[in-house]
C-alpha cells in the first residue's frame, strides 16, 4: 500500500504557515502508514464511549485488562467474545 503524496505547501503559501503545514502532512502520513506500534485508546469499562459512535474501533479496557472492539452496537471483549455491559 503506497502512501498518497500530500502537498500542503504551494507557491502562494505564506512562509509563516509552511512549517505547520509540513508537520501536519507528516503526521497524516504517519497515521496512514505507521512504521511502529501505536498506542491504543484506553478507558475503564464504565467510561467507554458509545460503541455505535466508533464502529470497528479498538480500545484497551484498563479495569478488565483486555482489548475490546466495537461491532457498531457493543464493545466486544477480545478475551471472551462477550459484550461489555
Protein backbone atom coordinates (compact mmCIF):
# COMPACT_ATOMS: atom_id res chain seq x y z
CA UNK A 1 0.00 0.00 0.00
CA UNK A 2 1.53 3.27 -1.04
CA UNK A 3 1.13 6.46 0.95
CA UNK A 4 -0.56 9.21 -1.04
CA UNK A 5 1.53 12.30 -1.64
CA UNK A 6 0.26 15.30 0.27
CA UNK A 7 1.37 18.68 -0.96
CA UNK A 8 0.22 21.20 1.66
CA UNK A 9 2.69 23.89 0.63
CA UNK A 10 2.17 25.70 -2.63
CA UNK A 11 3.98 28.70 -4.04
CA UNK A 12 1.38 31.08 -2.59
CA UNK A 13 1.55 29.64 0.95
CA UNK A 14 2.73 32.27 3.45
CA UNK A 15 6.20 31.47 4.78
CA UNK A 16 4.93 31.53 8.39
CA UNK A 17 2.49 28.66 7.67
CA UNK A 18 4.89 26.37 5.84
CA UNK A 19 6.42 24.61 8.91
CA UNK A 20 2.98 23.98 10.39
CA UNK A 21 1.57 22.60 7.16
CA UNK A 22 4.61 20.36 6.64
CA UNK A 23 4.30 18.97 10.18
CA UNK A 24 0.59 18.27 9.65
CA UNK A 25 1.33 16.48 6.38
CA UNK A 26 3.99 14.35 8.11
CA UNK A 27 1.58 13.48 10.93
CA UNK A 28 -1.12 12.42 8.45
CA UNK A 29 1.38 10.31 6.53
CA UNK A 30 2.46 8.58 9.76
CA UNK A 31 -1.17 7.76 10.57
CA UNK A 32 -1.78 6.44 7.07
CA UNK A 33 1.22 4.12 7.22
CA UNK A 34 2.56 3.62 10.76
CA UNK A 35 6.09 2.28 10.98
CA UNK A 36 5.78 1.01 14.54
CA UNK A 37 3.11 0.04 17.07
CA UNK A 38 0.86 2.91 18.09
CA UNK A 39 -0.89 3.49 21.42
CA UNK A 40 -4.45 2.26 21.78
CA UNK A 41 -7.18 4.39 23.36
CA UNK A 42 -7.60 3.34 26.99
CA UNK A 43 -10.64 3.67 29.26
CA UNK A 44 -12.35 1.93 32.13
CA UNK A 45 -15.42 -0.12 31.27
CA UNK A 46 -17.84 2.37 32.83
CA UNK A 47 -16.30 5.24 30.85
CA UNK A 48 -16.27 3.69 27.37
CA UNK A 49 -17.70 5.92 24.66
CA UNK A 50 -20.78 4.66 22.80
CA UNK A 51 -19.83 1.71 20.61
CA UNK A 52 -22.22 2.97 17.94
CA UNK A 53 -20.09 6.12 17.53
CA UNK A 54 -16.92 4.06 16.93
CA UNK A 55 -17.66 1.02 14.72
CA UNK A 56 -14.60 -1.16 14.06
CA UNK A 57 -12.55 0.75 16.66
CA UNK A 58 -10.27 -0.84 19.25
CA UNK A 59 -9.91 0.13 22.90
CA UNK A 60 -7.94 -1.11 25.92
CA UNK A 61 -10.36 -1.61 28.82
CA UNK A 62 -8.00 -0.90 31.68
CA UNK A 63 -10.01 -2.25 34.60
CA UNK A 64 -10.76 -5.51 32.74
CA UNK A 65 -7.19 -5.78 31.37
CA UNK A 66 -8.42 -6.71 27.89
CA UNK A 67 -8.83 -5.25 24.45
CA UNK A 68 -12.32 -4.69 23.07
CA UNK A 69 -13.62 -3.82 19.63
CA UNK A 70 -16.82 -2.08 18.61
CA UNK A 71 -19.17 -4.05 16.39
CA UNK A 72 -21.21 -0.87 15.93
CA UNK A 73 -23.59 -1.81 18.74
CA UNK A 74 -21.50 -3.09 21.66
CA UNK A 75 -17.91 -3.18 22.85
CA UNK A 76 -16.85 -6.83 22.50
CA UNK A 77 -14.22 -8.27 24.83
CA UNK A 78 -11.35 -9.93 22.96
CA UNK A 79 -10.68 -12.47 25.71
CA UNK A 80 -14.20 -13.90 25.99
CA UNK A 81 -16.11 -12.53 22.99
CA UNK A 82 -18.82 -11.20 25.32
CA UNK A 83 -20.26 -7.69 25.14
CA UNK A 84 -19.18 -5.25 27.85
CA UNK A 85 -22.34 -4.04 29.61
